[in-house]
Amino acid sequence: MEKMICRILLFFCLTSCVMLKPRYTDPVYQSEENHNITVEWRFSSESNISVHSLKVHCVFVSGLKVFYHLNNSVDEPQHMQFSGRVQCDKDALRTGRVRLHVSRLRTEDSGLYLCRMATGSGRKVSQFSLNITEMELFLNPLLDFCFSD
């Protein structure tokens, strides 16, 4: 019950940040299903951050599913939709960047993602969108010729 209350509060905090129009355009990553993609953003200008003091919590807004969660250098469980498909580059974290590798993309991964990062020196909220399209199947023209009437 406590976790659910925290998630609801996080959702309201994150959505209030979305309602404010940022001065920049949030990144939109586009790819086809079954491909891999890397999403990246900077959360600090510091160049030597202790991963042990860092918390990263990312949610897929549709259904408030946990996309990625790092708590004091420990990867925590994700929603089963993303389980085993999202890995974090821990070396990038030390330089103030979050770099998440997402593998085997699915069309249902399309949508808005909100992430909150917290270090000993502050907090930051970022967002990005994924637009995943169905993989196009290209038929071999020779096969079309062989099977035509």
N, C-alpha and C. Protein backbone atom coordinates (compact mmCIF):
# COMPACT_ATOMS: atom_id res chain seq x y z
N MET A 1 0.82 -1.19 0.00
CA MET A 1 0.00 0.00 0.00
C MET A 1 0.87 1.26 0.00
N GLU A 2 1.95 1.20 0.78
CA GLU A 2 2.85 2.34 0.87
C GLU A 2 3.52 2.62 -0.48
N LYS A 3 3.90 1.54 -1.19
CA LYS A 3 4.51 1.70 -2.52
C LYS A 3 3.54 2.35 -3.49
N MET A 4 2.26 1.95 -3.43
CA MET A 4 1.26 2.51 -4.33
C MET A 4 1.07 4.00 -4.05
N ILE A 5 1.04 4.40 -2.80
CA ILE A 5 0.90 5.81 -2.45
C ILE A 5 2.10 6.59 -2.98
N CYS A 6 3.30 6.03 -2.82
CA CYS A 6 4.51 6.69 -3.34
C CYS A 6 4.44 6.86 -4.85
N ARG A 7 3.96 5.84 -5.54
CA ARG A 7 3.86 5.91 -7.00
C ARG A 7 2.84 6.96 -7.43
N ILE A 8 1.73 7.04 -6.71
CA ILE A 8 0.72 8.05 -7.04
C ILE A 8 1.28 9.44 -6.81
N LEU A 9 1.97 9.65 -5.70
CA LEU A 9 2.58 10.95 -5.43
C LEU A 9 3.63 11.30 -6.48
N LEU A 10 4.44 10.31 -6.85
CA LEU A 10 5.45 10.52 -7.89
C LEU A 10 4.78 10.91 -9.20
N PHE A 11 3.70 10.21 -9.53
CA PHE A 11 2.98 10.52 -10.76
C PHE A 11 2.50 11.98 -10.76
N PHE A 12 1.89 12.43 -9.66
CA PHE A 12 1.41 13.81 -9.60
C PHE A 12 2.55 14.81 -9.67
N CYS A 13 3.67 14.50 -9.02
CA CYS A 13 4.82 15.39 -9.10
C CYS A 13 5.36 15.47 -10.52
N LEU A 14 5.50 14.31 -11.15
CA LEU A 14 6.05 14.27 -12.50
C LEU A 14 5.11 14.90 -13.51
N THR A 15 3.81 14.65 -13.39
CA THR A 15 2.88 15.23 -14.36
C THR A 15 2.78 16.73 -14.19
N SER A 16 2.97 17.23 -12.96
CA SER A 16 2.95 18.69 -12.80
C SER A 16 4.15 19.30 -13.50
N CYS A 17 5.27 18.59 -13.55
CA CYS A 17 6.43 19.07 -14.29
C CYS A 17 6.15 19.08 -15.78
N VAL A 18 5.37 18.12 -16.26
CA VAL A 18 5.05 18.03 -17.67
C VAL A 18 4.14 19.18 -18.09
N MET A 19 3.26 19.60 -17.18
CA MET A 19 2.31 20.66 -17.51
C MET A 19 3.01 21.99 -17.76
N LEU A 20 4.17 22.19 -17.13
CA LEU A 20 4.93 23.41 -17.37
C LEU A 20 5.67 23.24 -18.68
N LYS A 21 5.52 24.19 -19.57
CA LYS A 21 6.15 24.08 -20.88
C LYS A 21 7.66 24.36 -20.76
N PRO A 22 8.48 23.37 -21.06
CA PRO A 22 9.93 23.60 -21.00
C PRO A 22 10.39 24.46 -22.18
N ARG A 23 11.57 25.00 -22.04
CA ARG A 23 12.12 25.85 -23.09
C ARG A 23 12.75 25.04 -24.22
N TYR A 24 12.85 23.78 -24.03
CA TYR A 24 13.44 22.91 -25.05
C TYR A 24 12.44 21.84 -25.42
N THR A 25 12.72 21.17 -26.50
CA THR A 25 11.85 20.08 -26.94
C THR A 25 12.36 18.78 -26.35
N ASP A 26 11.46 18.03 -25.74
CA ASP A 26 11.85 16.75 -25.18
C ASP A 26 12.21 15.79 -26.31
N PRO A 27 13.22 14.96 -26.09
CA PRO A 27 13.63 14.06 -27.17
C PRO A 27 12.56 13.01 -27.49
N VAL A 28 12.44 12.73 -28.78
CA VAL A 28 11.57 11.67 -29.26
C VAL A 28 12.47 10.69 -30.00
N TYR A 29 12.52 9.47 -29.50
CA TYR A 29 13.32 8.43 -30.11
C TYR A 29 12.42 7.57 -30.99
N GLN A 30 12.85 7.33 -32.22
CA GLN A 30 12.05 6.55 -33.15
C GLN A 30 12.83 5.33 -33.60
N SER A 31 12.12 4.21 -33.69
CA SER A 31 12.75 2.98 -34.15
C SER A 31 11.66 1.99 -34.56
N GLU A 32 12.09 0.84 -35.05
CA GLU A 32 11.16 -0.23 -35.41
C GLU A 32 11.20 -1.31 -34.34
N GLU A 33 10.11 -2.08 -34.25
CA GLU A 33 10.06 -3.17 -33.28
C GLU A 33 11.19 -4.16 -33.55
N ASN A 34 11.61 -4.81 -32.50
CA ASN A 34 12.69 -5.79 -32.48
C ASN A 34 14.08 -5.18 -32.64
N HIS A 35 14.18 -3.87 -32.81
CA HIS A 35 15.48 -3.21 -32.83
C HIS A 35 15.86 -2.80 -31.41
N ASN A 36 17.06 -2.28 -31.24
CA ASN A 36 17.55 -1.78 -29.96
C ASN A 36 17.73 -0.28 -30.07
N ILE A 37 17.69 0.40 -28.92
CA ILE A 37 17.85 1.86 -28.93
C ILE A 37 18.53 2.28 -27.63
N THR A 38 19.21 3.41 -27.65
CA THR A 38 19.81 3.98 -26.45
C THR A 38 19.23 5.36 -26.24
N VAL A 39 18.68 5.58 -25.05
CA VAL A 39 18.17 6.90 -24.68
C VAL A 39 19.17 7.50 -23.70
N GLU A 40 19.39 8.80 -23.81
CA GLU A 40 20.43 9.43 -23.00
C GLU A 40 20.07 10.87 -22.67
N TRP A 41 20.41 11.31 -21.47
CA TRP A 41 20.27 12.72 -21.09
C TRP A 41 21.23 13.01 -19.95
N ARG A 42 21.52 14.29 -19.78
CA ARG A 42 22.44 14.75 -18.73
C ARG A 42 21.62 15.20 -17.53
N PHE A 43 22.03 14.77 -16.34
CA PHE A 43 21.34 15.19 -15.13
C PHE A 43 22.22 16.03 -14.22
N SER A 44 23.52 16.09 -14.52
CA SER A 44 24.42 16.88 -13.69
C SER A 44 25.63 17.30 -14.50
N SER A 45 26.19 18.44 -14.14
CA SER A 45 27.42 18.89 -14.80
C SER A 45 28.65 18.39 -14.06
N GLU A 46 28.45 17.73 -12.92
CA GLU A 46 29.57 17.16 -12.18
C GLU A 46 30.19 16.02 -13.00
N SER A 47 31.49 15.83 -12.84
CA SER A 47 32.16 14.81 -13.65
C SER A 47 32.57 13.58 -12.85
N ASN A 48 32.38 13.60 -11.53
CA ASN A 48 32.78 12.44 -10.73
C ASN A 48 31.69 12.18 -9.68
N ILE A 49 30.62 11.54 -10.10
CA ILE A 49 29.48 11.30 -9.24
C ILE A 49 29.56 9.89 -8.66
N SER A 50 29.27 9.78 -7.38
CA SER A 50 29.23 8.47 -6.74
C SER A 50 27.91 7.79 -7.09
N VAL A 51 28.02 6.64 -7.74
CA VAL A 51 26.82 5.90 -8.12
C VAL A 51 26.09 5.39 -6.88
N HIS A 52 26.82 5.23 -5.77
CA HIS A 52 26.22 4.73 -4.54
C HIS A 52 25.23 5.72 -3.94
N SER A 53 25.36 7.01 -4.26
CA SER A 53 24.44 8.01 -3.72
C SER A 53 23.37 8.42 -4.72
N LEU A 54 23.31 7.73 -5.85
CA LEU A 54 22.41 8.11 -6.93
C LEU A 54 21.15 7.26 -6.95
N LYS A 55 20.03 7.92 -7.23
CA LYS A 55 18.77 7.22 -7.41
C LYS A 55 18.19 7.66 -8.75
N VAL A 56 17.76 6.69 -9.55
CA VAL A 56 17.13 6.96 -10.84
C VAL A 56 15.84 6.16 -10.86
N HIS A 57 14.74 6.85 -11.12
CA HIS A 57 13.44 6.17 -11.19
C HIS A 57 12.73 6.64 -12.45
N CYS A 58 12.49 5.72 -13.38
CA CYS A 58 11.83 6.04 -14.65
C CYS A 58 10.54 5.24 -14.76
N VAL A 59 9.48 5.92 -15.18
CA VAL A 59 8.20 5.25 -15.37
C VAL A 59 7.69 5.49 -16.77
N PHE A 60 7.00 4.49 -17.28
CA PHE A 60 6.26 4.60 -18.53
C PHE A 60 4.90 5.13 -18.12
N VAL A 61 4.56 6.33 -18.57
CA VAL A 61 3.37 7.02 -18.08
C VAL A 61 2.10 6.20 -18.28
N SER A 62 2.01 5.49 -19.39
CA SER A 62 0.83 4.66 -19.65
C SER A 62 0.80 3.51 -18.64
N GLY A 63 -0.01 3.64 -17.63
CA GLY A 63 -0.13 2.59 -16.61
C GLY A 63 0.86 2.72 -15.47
N LEU A 64 1.67 3.77 -15.46
CA LEU A 64 2.68 3.97 -14.41
C LEU A 64 3.55 2.74 -14.19
N LYS A 65 4.03 2.17 -15.27
CA LYS A 65 4.87 0.98 -15.20
C LYS A 65 6.32 1.40 -14.97
N VAL A 66 7.00 0.70 -14.05
CA VAL A 66 8.41 1.01 -13.78
C VAL A 66 9.23 0.56 -14.98
N PHE A 67 9.85 1.52 -15.64
CA PHE A 67 10.69 1.28 -16.81
C PHE A 67 12.11 0.93 -16.36
N TYR A 68 12.63 1.72 -15.40
CA TYR A 68 13.97 1.47 -14.86
C TYR A 68 14.04 2.08 -13.47
N HIS A 69 14.72 1.39 -12.55
CA HIS A 69 14.87 1.89 -11.19
C HIS A 69 16.23 1.50 -10.65
N LEU A 70 17.00 2.51 -10.27
CA LEU A 70 18.32 2.30 -9.66
C LEU A 70 18.28 2.96 -8.30
N ASN A 71 18.66 2.21 -7.26
CA ASN A 71 18.66 2.75 -5.91
C ASN A 71 20.00 2.45 -5.26
N ASN A 72 20.82 3.49 -5.09
CA ASN A 72 22.13 3.34 -4.46
C ASN A 72 22.96 2.24 -5.14
N SER A 73 23.09 2.32 -6.44
CA SER A 73 23.88 1.46 -7.32
C SER A 73 23.29 0.06 -7.51
N VAL A 74 22.07 -0.18 -7.04
CA VAL A 74 21.44 -1.49 -7.20
C VAL A 74 20.25 -1.36 -8.15
N ASP A 75 20.28 -2.14 -9.24
CA ASP A 75 19.13 -2.19 -10.15
C ASP A 75 17.99 -2.90 -9.44
N GLU A 76 16.83 -2.27 -9.42
CA GLU A 76 15.66 -2.88 -8.76
C GLU A 76 14.70 -3.39 -9.81
N PRO A 77 13.77 -4.27 -9.41
CA PRO A 77 12.85 -4.89 -10.39
C PRO A 77 12.05 -3.86 -11.20
N GLN A 78 11.80 -4.24 -12.45
CA GLN A 78 11.03 -3.42 -13.37
C GLN A 78 9.69 -4.09 -13.64
N HIS A 79 8.81 -3.35 -14.29
CA HIS A 79 7.56 -3.95 -14.72
C HIS A 79 7.89 -5.05 -15.71
N MET A 80 7.09 -6.12 -15.72
CA MET A 80 7.40 -7.27 -16.58
C MET A 80 7.47 -6.91 -18.06
N GLN A 81 6.83 -5.82 -18.49
CA GLN A 81 6.92 -5.39 -19.89
C GLN A 81 8.36 -5.06 -20.27
N PHE A 82 9.16 -4.58 -19.31
CA PHE A 82 10.52 -4.15 -19.61
C PHE A 82 11.59 -5.07 -19.01
N SER A 83 11.17 -6.06 -18.26
CA SER A 83 12.11 -6.92 -17.54
C SER A 83 13.14 -7.55 -18.48
N GLY A 84 14.40 -7.37 -18.14
CA GLY A 84 15.49 -7.94 -18.91
C GLY A 84 15.81 -7.21 -20.21
N ARG A 85 15.11 -6.11 -20.50
CA ARG A 85 15.33 -5.40 -21.76
C ARG A 85 15.95 -4.02 -21.58
N VAL A 86 16.09 -3.55 -20.34
CA VAL A 86 16.63 -2.20 -20.09
C VAL A 86 17.87 -2.33 -19.21
N GLN A 87 19.00 -1.87 -19.74
CA GLN A 87 20.25 -1.88 -18.98
C GLN A 87 20.79 -0.46 -18.92
N CYS A 88 21.41 -0.15 -17.79
CA CYS A 88 21.97 1.18 -17.58
C CYS A 88 23.49 1.13 -17.71
N ASP A 89 24.05 2.13 -18.36
CA ASP A 89 25.51 2.27 -18.48
C ASP A 89 25.99 2.98 -17.21
N LYS A 90 26.53 2.22 -16.27
CA LYS A 90 26.94 2.78 -14.97
C LYS A 90 28.12 3.75 -15.11
N ASP A 91 28.98 3.55 -16.13
CA ASP A 91 30.08 4.49 -16.34
C ASP A 91 29.56 5.86 -16.72
N ALA A 92 28.49 5.92 -17.51
CA ALA A 92 27.91 7.21 -17.90
C ALA A 92 27.33 7.92 -16.68
N LEU A 93 26.78 7.18 -15.72
CA LEU A 93 26.23 7.79 -14.51
C LEU A 93 27.29 8.58 -13.76
N ARG A 94 28.50 8.05 -13.71
CA ARG A 94 29.60 8.73 -13.01
C ARG A 94 29.94 10.08 -13.63
N THR A 95 29.59 10.26 -14.90
CA THR A 95 29.89 11.53 -15.58
C THR A 95 28.67 12.45 -15.68
N GLY A 96 27.59 12.09 -14.96
CA GLY A 96 26.42 12.96 -14.93
C GLY A 96 25.41 12.71 -16.03
N ARG A 97 25.50 11.56 -16.69
CA ARG A 97 24.56 11.23 -17.77
C ARG A 97 23.86 9.91 -17.46
N VAL A 98 22.60 9.85 -17.83
CA VAL A 98 21.87 8.58 -17.78
C VAL A 98 21.84 8.06 -19.21
N ARG A 99 22.30 6.85 -19.41
CA ARG A 99 22.27 6.20 -20.72
C ARG A 99 21.65 4.82 -20.53
N LEU A 100 20.43 4.66 -21.07
CA LEU A 100 19.71 3.39 -20.94
C LEU A 100 19.62 2.71 -22.30
N HIS A 101 20.02 1.45 -22.33
CA HIS A 101 19.96 0.64 -23.55
C HIS A 101 18.68 -0.21 -23.47
N VAL A 102 17.82 -0.07 -24.46
CA VAL A 102 16.57 -0.82 -24.50
C VAL A 102 16.66 -1.78 -25.68
N SER A 103 16.47 -3.05 -25.41
CA SER A 103 16.59 -4.05 -26.47
C SER A 103 15.22 -4.63 -26.83
N ARG A 104 15.18 -5.24 -28.00
CA ARG A 104 13.97 -5.92 -28.49
C ARG A 104 12.72 -5.04 -28.33
N LEU A 105 12.77 -3.87 -28.93
CA LEU A 105 11.66 -2.91 -28.81
C LEU A 105 10.35 -3.51 -29.28
N ARG A 106 9.27 -3.08 -28.66
CA ARG A 106 7.92 -3.52 -29.01
C ARG A 106 7.08 -2.28 -29.31
N THR A 107 6.07 -2.45 -30.14
CA THR A 107 5.21 -1.30 -30.46
C THR A 107 4.53 -0.77 -29.20
N GLU A 108 4.23 -1.65 -28.23
CA GLU A 108 3.59 -1.19 -26.99
C GLU A 108 4.53 -0.41 -26.08
N ASP A 109 5.81 -0.30 -26.44
CA ASP A 109 6.75 0.55 -25.71
C ASP A 109 6.58 2.02 -26.08
N SER A 110 5.83 2.32 -27.13
CA SER A 110 5.63 3.70 -27.58
C SER A 110 4.89 4.50 -26.52
N GLY A 111 5.37 5.73 -26.29
CA GLY A 111 4.69 6.61 -25.34
C GLY A 111 5.67 7.51 -24.60
N LEU A 112 5.17 8.16 -23.57
CA LEU A 112 5.92 9.13 -22.78
C LEU A 112 6.53 8.45 -21.55
N TYR A 113 7.78 8.82 -21.27
CA TYR A 113 8.52 8.30 -20.11
C TYR A 113 8.98 9.48 -19.27
N LEU A 114 8.85 9.35 -17.95
CA LEU A 114 9.30 10.38 -17.02
C LEU A 114 10.33 9.76 -16.09
N CYS A 115 11.43 10.49 -15.88
CA CYS A 115 12.51 9.98 -15.04
C CYS A 115 12.91 11.03 -14.01
N ARG A 116 13.16 10.55 -12.80
CA ARG A 116 13.61 11.42 -11.71
C ARG A 116 14.97 10.91 -11.26
N MET A 117 15.94 11.81 -11.21
CA MET A 117 17.27 11.48 -10.73
C MET A 117 17.51 12.28 -9.46
N ALA A 118 18.14 11.67 -8.47
CA ALA A 118 18.47 12.35 -7.22
C ALA A 118 19.88 11.98 -6.80
N THR A 119 20.67 12.99 -6.51
CA THR A 119 22.01 12.80 -5.97
C THR A 119 22.08 13.57 -4.66
N GLY A 120 23.22 13.50 -4.01
CA GLY A 120 23.40 14.27 -2.78
C GLY A 120 23.34 15.76 -3.01
N SER A 121 23.54 16.19 -4.26
CA SER A 121 23.57 17.63 -4.55
C SER A 121 22.31 18.16 -5.23
N GLY A 122 21.32 17.33 -5.47
CA GLY A 122 20.09 17.84 -6.07
C GLY A 122 19.28 16.79 -6.79
N ARG A 123 18.19 17.27 -7.40
CA ARG A 123 17.27 16.40 -8.12
C ARG A 123 16.96 17.00 -9.47
N LYS A 124 16.58 16.12 -10.40
CA LYS A 124 16.20 16.59 -11.72
C LYS A 124 15.17 15.63 -12.30
N VAL A 125 14.22 16.19 -13.05
CA VAL A 125 13.22 15.39 -13.74
C VAL A 125 13.41 15.58 -15.23
N SER A 126 13.41 14.48 -15.98
CA SER A 126 13.53 14.52 -17.43
C SER A 126 12.42 13.67 -18.03
N GLN A 127 12.15 13.92 -19.29
CA GLN A 127 11.16 13.10 -19.99
C GLN A 127 11.60 12.90 -21.42
N PHE A 128 11.11 11.82 -22.00
CA PHE A 128 11.37 11.53 -23.41
C PHE A 128 10.23 10.67 -23.92
N SER A 129 10.14 10.55 -25.22
CA SER A 129 9.11 9.72 -25.84
C SER A 129 9.76 8.68 -26.74
N LEU A 130 9.12 7.53 -26.80
CA LEU A 130 9.50 6.48 -27.75
C LEU A 130 8.38 6.34 -28.76
N ASN A 131 8.75 6.25 -30.02
CA ASN A 131 7.79 6.00 -31.09
C ASN A 131 8.28 4.77 -31.85
N ILE A 132 7.68 3.63 -31.54
CA ILE A 132 8.12 2.37 -32.11
C ILE A 132 7.09 1.91 -33.14
N THR A 133 7.54 1.71 -34.36
CA THR A 133 6.63 1.29 -35.43
C THR A 133 6.82 -0.19 -35.72
N GLU A 134 5.81 -0.78 -36.35
CA GLU A 134 5.90 -2.19 -36.73
C GLU A 134 7.00 -2.37 -37.76
N MET A 135 7.67 -3.50 -37.69
CA MET A 135 8.71 -3.81 -38.65
C MET A 135 8.06 -4.09 -40.00
N GLU A 136 8.58 -3.45 -41.04
CA GLU A 136 8.04 -3.67 -42.38
C GLU A 136 8.68 -4.91 -42.98
N LEU A 137 7.86 -5.73 -43.55
CA LEU A 137 8.37 -6.92 -44.21
C LEU A 137 8.49 -6.64 -45.70
N PHE A 138 9.66 -6.82 -46.21
CA PHE A 138 9.89 -6.61 -47.64
C PHE A 138 9.95 -7.97 -48.32
N LEU A 139 9.09 -8.17 -49.28
CA LEU A 139 9.10 -9.44 -50.01
C LEU A 139 10.13 -9.38 -51.13
N ASN A 140 10.73 -10.45 -51.32
CA ASN A 140 11.72 -10.57 -52.38
C ASN A 140 10.99 -10.54 -53.73
N PRO A 141 11.33 -9.61 -54.64
CA PRO A 141 10.65 -9.54 -55.94
C PRO A 141 10.73 -10.84 -56.72
N LEU A 142 11.81 -11.61 -56.56
CA LEU A 142 11.95 -12.88 -57.25
C LEU A 142 10.88 -13.86 -56.75
N LEU A 143 10.63 -13.86 -55.42
CA LEU A 143 9.58 -14.73 -54.87
C LEU A 143 8.21 -14.32 -55.39
N ASP A 144 7.97 -13.01 -55.50
CA ASP A 144 6.70 -12.54 -56.02
C ASP A 144 6.49 -13.06 -57.46
N PHE A 145 7.55 -13.02 -58.25
CA PHE A 145 7.48 -13.48 -59.65
C PHE A 145 7.18 -14.98 -59.70
N CYS A 146 7.84 -15.75 -58.82
CA CYS A 146 7.69 -17.20 -58.83
C CYS A 146 6.28 -17.64 -58.43
N PHE A 147 5.64 -16.88 -57.55
CA PHE A 147 4.34 -17.29 -57.03
C PHE A 147 3.18 -16.53 -57.65
N SER A 148 3.43 -15.74 -58.67
CA SER A 148 2.32 -15.02 -59.31
C SER A 148 1.70 -15.91 -60.37
N ASP A 149 0.45 -15.58 -60.70
CA ASP A 149 -0.29 -16.39 -61.69
C ASP A 149 0.26 -16.21 -63.08
